[in-house]
Amino acid sequence: MKNKDFKDLLTSIDQARKIHNGKLKPGRIFRFNPVAVANIRKRLHVSQAEFAYMIGVSIDTLQNWEQGRRRPEGPALALLKIAEHNPETVMNALHA
């Protein structure tokens, strides 16, 4: 590693420490609003396995969404938003 890169890394670590301790404001803040996947699934009255199969994802993926480790994206996020607002239509369309 080049000396300049190492110094930049140390500066970043020092900044992170100051932000963590409240001595420095972060340059940007990321807000995360997870979709309530478990609530959507429960409103459809299906198990994790059934719901994962219905929307075409693995059970592991669904569990990661429900536990907040991952966030649904793209078409899956769009489908979940539709299911949140109109669960009966989604159930009728996707029920296997």
N, C-alpha and C. Protein backbone atom coordinates (compact mmCIF):
# COMPACT_ATOMS: atom_id res chain seq x y z
N MET A 1 0.85 -1.16 0.00
CA MET A 1 0.00 0.00 0.00
C MET A 1 0.90 1.24 0.00
N LYS A 2 0.54 2.20 -0.81
CA LYS A 2 1.33 3.43 -0.88
C LYS A 2 1.13 4.24 0.39
N ASN A 3 2.14 5.03 0.72
CA ASN A 3 2.13 5.82 1.94
C ASN A 3 0.92 6.77 1.97
N LYS A 4 0.60 7.42 0.85
CA LYS A 4 -0.53 8.34 0.79
C LYS A 4 -1.84 7.61 1.05
N ASP A 5 -2.01 6.44 0.46
CA ASP A 5 -3.22 5.65 0.67
C ASP A 5 -3.37 5.24 2.13
N PHE A 6 -2.26 4.88 2.75
CA PHE A 6 -2.29 4.50 4.15
C PHE A 6 -2.69 5.69 5.03
N LYS A 7 -2.15 6.86 4.74
CA LYS A 7 -2.50 8.07 5.49
C LYS A 7 -3.98 8.40 5.31
N ASP A 8 -4.50 8.24 4.08
CA ASP A 8 -5.93 8.48 3.83
C ASP A 8 -6.80 7.51 4.63
N LEU A 9 -6.35 6.27 4.71
CA LEU A 9 -7.08 5.27 5.48
C LEU A 9 -7.10 5.62 6.97
N LEU A 10 -5.96 6.03 7.50
CA LEU A 10 -5.90 6.45 8.90
C LEU A 10 -6.79 7.66 9.16
N THR A 11 -6.82 8.60 8.23
CA THR A 11 -7.68 9.78 8.37
C THR A 11 -9.14 9.35 8.39
N SER A 12 -9.53 8.43 7.53
CA SER A 12 -10.91 7.94 7.50
C SER A 12 -11.29 7.25 8.80
N ILE A 13 -10.38 6.46 9.34
CA ILE A 13 -10.64 5.77 10.61
C ILE A 13 -10.81 6.79 11.72
N ASP A 14 -9.97 7.82 11.74
CA ASP A 14 -10.09 8.86 12.76
C ASP A 14 -11.42 9.59 12.63
N GLN A 15 -11.83 9.89 11.41
CA GLN A 15 -13.13 10.55 11.20
C GLN A 15 -14.28 9.66 11.66
N ALA A 16 -14.21 8.37 11.35
CA ALA A 16 -15.26 7.44 11.77
C ALA A 16 -15.36 7.39 13.29
N ARG A 17 -14.23 7.39 13.96
CA ARG A 17 -14.20 7.37 15.42
C ARG A 17 -14.86 8.63 15.98
N LYS A 18 -14.54 9.80 15.40
CA LYS A 18 -15.12 11.06 15.86
C LYS A 18 -16.62 11.08 15.61
N ILE A 19 -17.07 10.57 14.48
CA ILE A 19 -18.51 10.52 14.18
C ILE A 19 -19.20 9.61 15.19
N HIS A 20 -18.62 8.46 15.44
CA HIS A 20 -19.19 7.50 16.39
C HIS A 20 -19.31 8.10 17.79
N ASN A 21 -18.33 8.89 18.19
CA ASN A 21 -18.33 9.50 19.52
C ASN A 21 -19.12 10.81 19.58
N GLY A 22 -19.69 11.22 18.46
CA GLY A 22 -20.51 12.44 18.43
C GLY A 22 -19.71 13.73 18.36
N LYS A 23 -18.44 13.65 18.05
CA LYS A 23 -17.60 14.85 17.97
C LYS A 23 -17.55 15.45 16.57
N LEU A 24 -18.07 14.71 15.60
CA LEU A 24 -18.07 15.16 14.21
C LEU A 24 -19.35 14.70 13.55
N LYS A 25 -19.97 15.59 12.76
CA LYS A 25 -21.18 15.20 12.05
C LYS A 25 -20.80 14.45 10.78
N PRO A 26 -21.57 13.42 10.43
CA PRO A 26 -21.27 12.69 9.19
C PRO A 26 -21.52 13.55 7.96
N GLY A 27 -20.76 13.29 6.93
CA GLY A 27 -20.91 14.03 5.67
C GLY A 27 -22.21 13.71 4.98
N ARG A 28 -22.69 12.50 5.13
CA ARG A 28 -23.97 12.10 4.56
C ARG A 28 -24.60 11.03 5.44
N ILE A 29 -25.91 10.99 5.39
CA ILE A 29 -26.66 10.03 6.19
C ILE A 29 -27.54 9.21 5.27
N PHE A 30 -27.48 7.91 5.43
CA PHE A 30 -28.31 7.02 4.64
C PHE A 30 -29.50 6.58 5.49
N ARG A 31 -30.68 6.78 4.99
CA ARG A 31 -31.89 6.37 5.69
C ARG A 31 -32.36 5.05 5.09
N PHE A 32 -32.71 4.13 5.94
CA PHE A 32 -33.18 2.83 5.48
C PHE A 32 -34.59 2.59 6.00
N ASN A 33 -35.53 2.49 5.09
CA ASN A 33 -36.92 2.21 5.43
C ASN A 33 -37.29 0.84 4.89
N PRO A 34 -37.09 -0.20 5.70
CA PRO A 34 -37.35 -1.54 5.19
C PRO A 34 -38.84 -1.78 4.94
N VAL A 35 -39.11 -2.49 3.88
CA VAL A 35 -40.47 -2.91 3.61
C VAL A 35 -40.83 -3.95 4.67
N ALA A 36 -42.03 -3.90 5.18
CA ALA A 36 -42.46 -4.83 6.22
C ALA A 36 -42.85 -6.16 5.58
N VAL A 37 -41.84 -6.88 5.12
CA VAL A 37 -42.06 -8.11 4.37
C VAL A 37 -42.82 -9.14 5.20
N ALA A 38 -42.43 -9.32 6.44
CA ALA A 38 -43.11 -10.32 7.28
C ALA A 38 -44.59 -9.97 7.45
N ASN A 39 -44.89 -8.70 7.63
CA ASN A 39 -46.29 -8.28 7.78
C ASN A 39 -47.08 -8.53 6.51
N ILE A 40 -46.47 -8.27 5.37
CA ILE A 40 -47.14 -8.52 4.09
C ILE A 40 -47.44 -10.00 3.96
N ARG A 41 -46.45 -10.84 4.25
CA ARG A 41 -46.62 -12.28 4.14
C ARG A 41 -47.71 -12.77 5.09
N LYS A 42 -47.70 -12.26 6.31
CA LYS A 42 -48.70 -12.69 7.29
C LYS A 42 -50.11 -12.27 6.89
N ARG A 43 -50.23 -11.10 6.24
CA ARG A 43 -51.55 -10.67 5.76
C ARG A 43 -52.07 -11.59 4.67
N LEU A 44 -51.16 -12.24 3.97
CA LEU A 44 -51.55 -13.20 2.92
C LEU A 44 -51.80 -14.59 3.50
N HIS A 45 -51.50 -14.77 4.79
CA HIS A 45 -51.72 -16.04 5.49
C HIS A 45 -50.98 -17.20 4.82
N VAL A 46 -49.69 -16.96 4.52
CA VAL A 46 -48.86 -18.01 3.93
C VAL A 46 -47.57 -18.14 4.72
N SER A 47 -46.96 -19.31 4.63
CA SER A 47 -45.69 -19.55 5.30
C SER A 47 -44.56 -18.88 4.52
N GLN A 48 -43.38 -18.85 5.13
CA GLN A 48 -42.23 -18.30 4.43
C GLN A 48 -41.95 -19.08 3.15
N ALA A 49 -42.02 -20.39 3.24
CA ALA A 49 -41.74 -21.23 2.06
C ALA A 49 -42.75 -20.95 0.95
N GLU A 50 -44.02 -20.85 1.30
CA GLU A 50 -45.06 -20.59 0.29
C GLU A 50 -44.86 -19.21 -0.35
N PHE A 51 -44.59 -18.21 0.48
CA PHE A 51 -44.44 -16.85 -0.04
C PHE A 51 -43.21 -16.73 -0.92
N ALA A 52 -42.11 -17.34 -0.48
CA ALA A 52 -40.88 -17.32 -1.29
C ALA A 52 -41.14 -17.96 -2.65
N TYR A 53 -41.84 -19.08 -2.67
CA TYR A 53 -42.16 -19.76 -3.92
C TYR A 53 -43.06 -18.87 -4.79
N MET A 54 -44.05 -18.24 -4.17
CA MET A 54 -45.00 -17.41 -4.91
C MET A 54 -44.31 -16.26 -5.64
N ILE A 55 -43.34 -15.61 -4.96
CA ILE A 55 -42.72 -14.43 -5.56
C ILE A 55 -41.39 -14.74 -6.25
N GLY A 56 -41.02 -16.02 -6.24
CA GLY A 56 -39.85 -16.46 -7.02
C GLY A 56 -38.50 -16.14 -6.40
N VAL A 57 -38.41 -16.21 -5.07
CA VAL A 57 -37.13 -16.01 -4.40
C VAL A 57 -36.86 -17.20 -3.49
N SER A 58 -35.63 -17.33 -3.06
CA SER A 58 -35.30 -18.42 -2.14
C SER A 58 -35.81 -18.09 -0.75
N ILE A 59 -35.97 -19.12 0.07
CA ILE A 59 -36.40 -18.91 1.45
C ILE A 59 -35.35 -18.08 2.19
N ASP A 60 -34.07 -18.33 1.91
CA ASP A 60 -33.00 -17.56 2.55
C ASP A 60 -33.13 -16.07 2.24
N THR A 61 -33.43 -15.75 0.99
CA THR A 61 -33.60 -14.35 0.60
C THR A 61 -34.76 -13.73 1.36
N LEU A 62 -35.88 -14.43 1.41
CA LEU A 62 -37.04 -13.94 2.13
C LEU A 62 -36.71 -13.72 3.61
N GLN A 63 -36.02 -14.66 4.22
CA GLN A 63 -35.65 -14.52 5.63
C GLN A 63 -34.71 -13.34 5.85
N ASN A 64 -33.79 -13.13 4.92
CA ASN A 64 -32.90 -11.98 5.02
C ASN A 64 -33.69 -10.67 4.97
N TRP A 65 -34.69 -10.61 4.10
CA TRP A 65 -35.54 -9.41 4.03
C TRP A 65 -36.30 -9.22 5.33
N GLU A 66 -36.91 -10.30 5.82
CA GLU A 66 -37.74 -10.20 7.01
C GLU A 66 -36.93 -9.84 8.25
N GLN A 67 -35.67 -10.25 8.28
CA GLN A 67 -34.84 -9.98 9.45
C GLN A 67 -33.99 -8.71 9.29
N GLY A 68 -34.19 -8.01 8.17
CA GLY A 68 -33.51 -6.73 7.96
C GLY A 68 -32.05 -6.82 7.56
N ARG A 69 -31.58 -8.01 7.20
CA ARG A 69 -30.18 -8.14 6.77
C ARG A 69 -29.99 -7.69 5.33
N ARG A 70 -31.04 -7.79 4.55
CA ARG A 70 -31.03 -7.37 3.14
C ARG A 70 -32.30 -6.60 2.86
N ARG A 71 -32.30 -5.89 1.74
CA ARG A 71 -33.46 -5.10 1.34
C ARG A 71 -33.88 -5.53 -0.06
N PRO A 72 -35.17 -5.79 -0.24
CA PRO A 72 -35.62 -6.15 -1.59
C PRO A 72 -35.40 -4.98 -2.55
N GLU A 73 -35.10 -5.32 -3.80
CA GLU A 73 -34.84 -4.30 -4.82
C GLU A 73 -35.58 -4.65 -6.10
N GLY A 74 -35.66 -3.70 -6.99
CA GLY A 74 -36.18 -3.90 -8.32
C GLY A 74 -37.59 -4.46 -8.35
N PRO A 75 -37.82 -5.46 -9.22
CA PRO A 75 -39.16 -6.02 -9.36
C PRO A 75 -39.72 -6.62 -8.07
N ALA A 76 -38.86 -7.21 -7.24
CA ALA A 76 -39.34 -7.78 -5.98
C ALA A 76 -39.88 -6.68 -5.07
N LEU A 77 -39.21 -5.55 -5.03
CA LEU A 77 -39.67 -4.43 -4.21
C LEU A 77 -41.00 -3.90 -4.74
N ALA A 78 -41.12 -3.79 -6.05
CA ALA A 78 -42.38 -3.33 -6.65
C ALA A 78 -43.52 -4.28 -6.31
N LEU A 79 -43.27 -5.58 -6.43
CA LEU A 79 -44.30 -6.57 -6.13
C LEU A 79 -44.70 -6.51 -4.65
N LEU A 80 -43.73 -6.33 -3.77
CA LEU A 80 -44.03 -6.25 -2.35
C LEU A 80 -44.85 -5.00 -2.02
N LYS A 81 -44.56 -3.90 -2.69
CA LYS A 81 -45.34 -2.69 -2.46
C LYS A 81 -46.79 -2.89 -2.91
N ILE A 82 -46.97 -3.57 -4.04
CA ILE A 82 -48.32 -3.86 -4.52
C ILE A 82 -49.03 -4.78 -3.53
N ALA A 83 -48.32 -5.80 -3.06
CA ALA A 83 -48.91 -6.74 -2.10
C ALA A 83 -49.27 -6.04 -0.80
N GLU A 84 -48.51 -5.05 -0.43
CA GLU A 84 -48.78 -4.31 0.80
C GLU A 84 -50.10 -3.55 0.70
N HIS A 85 -50.38 -3.01 -0.48
CA HIS A 85 -51.58 -2.20 -0.67
C HIS A 85 -52.79 -2.99 -1.16
N ASN A 86 -52.55 -4.11 -1.82
CA ASN A 86 -53.65 -4.88 -2.37
C ASN A 86 -53.33 -6.38 -2.29
N PRO A 87 -53.29 -6.92 -1.07
CA PRO A 87 -52.87 -8.32 -0.90
C PRO A 87 -53.77 -9.33 -1.60
N GLU A 88 -55.06 -9.06 -1.68
CA GLU A 88 -55.98 -10.02 -2.29
C GLU A 88 -55.67 -10.20 -3.77
N THR A 89 -55.38 -9.11 -4.47
CA THR A 89 -55.08 -9.20 -5.90
C THR A 89 -53.79 -9.98 -6.12
N VAL A 90 -52.79 -9.73 -5.31
CA VAL A 90 -51.53 -10.44 -5.44
C VAL A 90 -51.71 -11.92 -5.14
N MET A 91 -52.48 -12.20 -4.11
CA MET A 91 -52.73 -13.61 -3.76
C MET A 91 -53.44 -14.33 -4.88
N ASN A 92 -54.44 -13.69 -5.49
CA ASN A 92 -55.17 -14.31 -6.59
C ASN A 92 -54.28 -14.52 -7.80
N ALA A 93 -53.39 -13.57 -8.07
CA ALA A 93 -52.55 -13.65 -9.25
C ALA A 93 -51.40 -14.64 -9.08
N LEU A 94 -50.85 -14.76 -7.86
CA LEU A 94 -49.63 -15.53 -7.67
C LEU A 94 -49.82 -16.85 -6.94
N HIS A 95 -50.96 -17.09 -6.39
CA HIS A 95 -51.14 -18.31 -5.61
C HIS A 95 -50.93 -19.54 -6.48
N ALA A 96 -50.01 -20.37 -6.03
CA ALA A 96 -49.67 -21.57 -6.83
C ALA A 96 -50.49 -22.76 -6.39
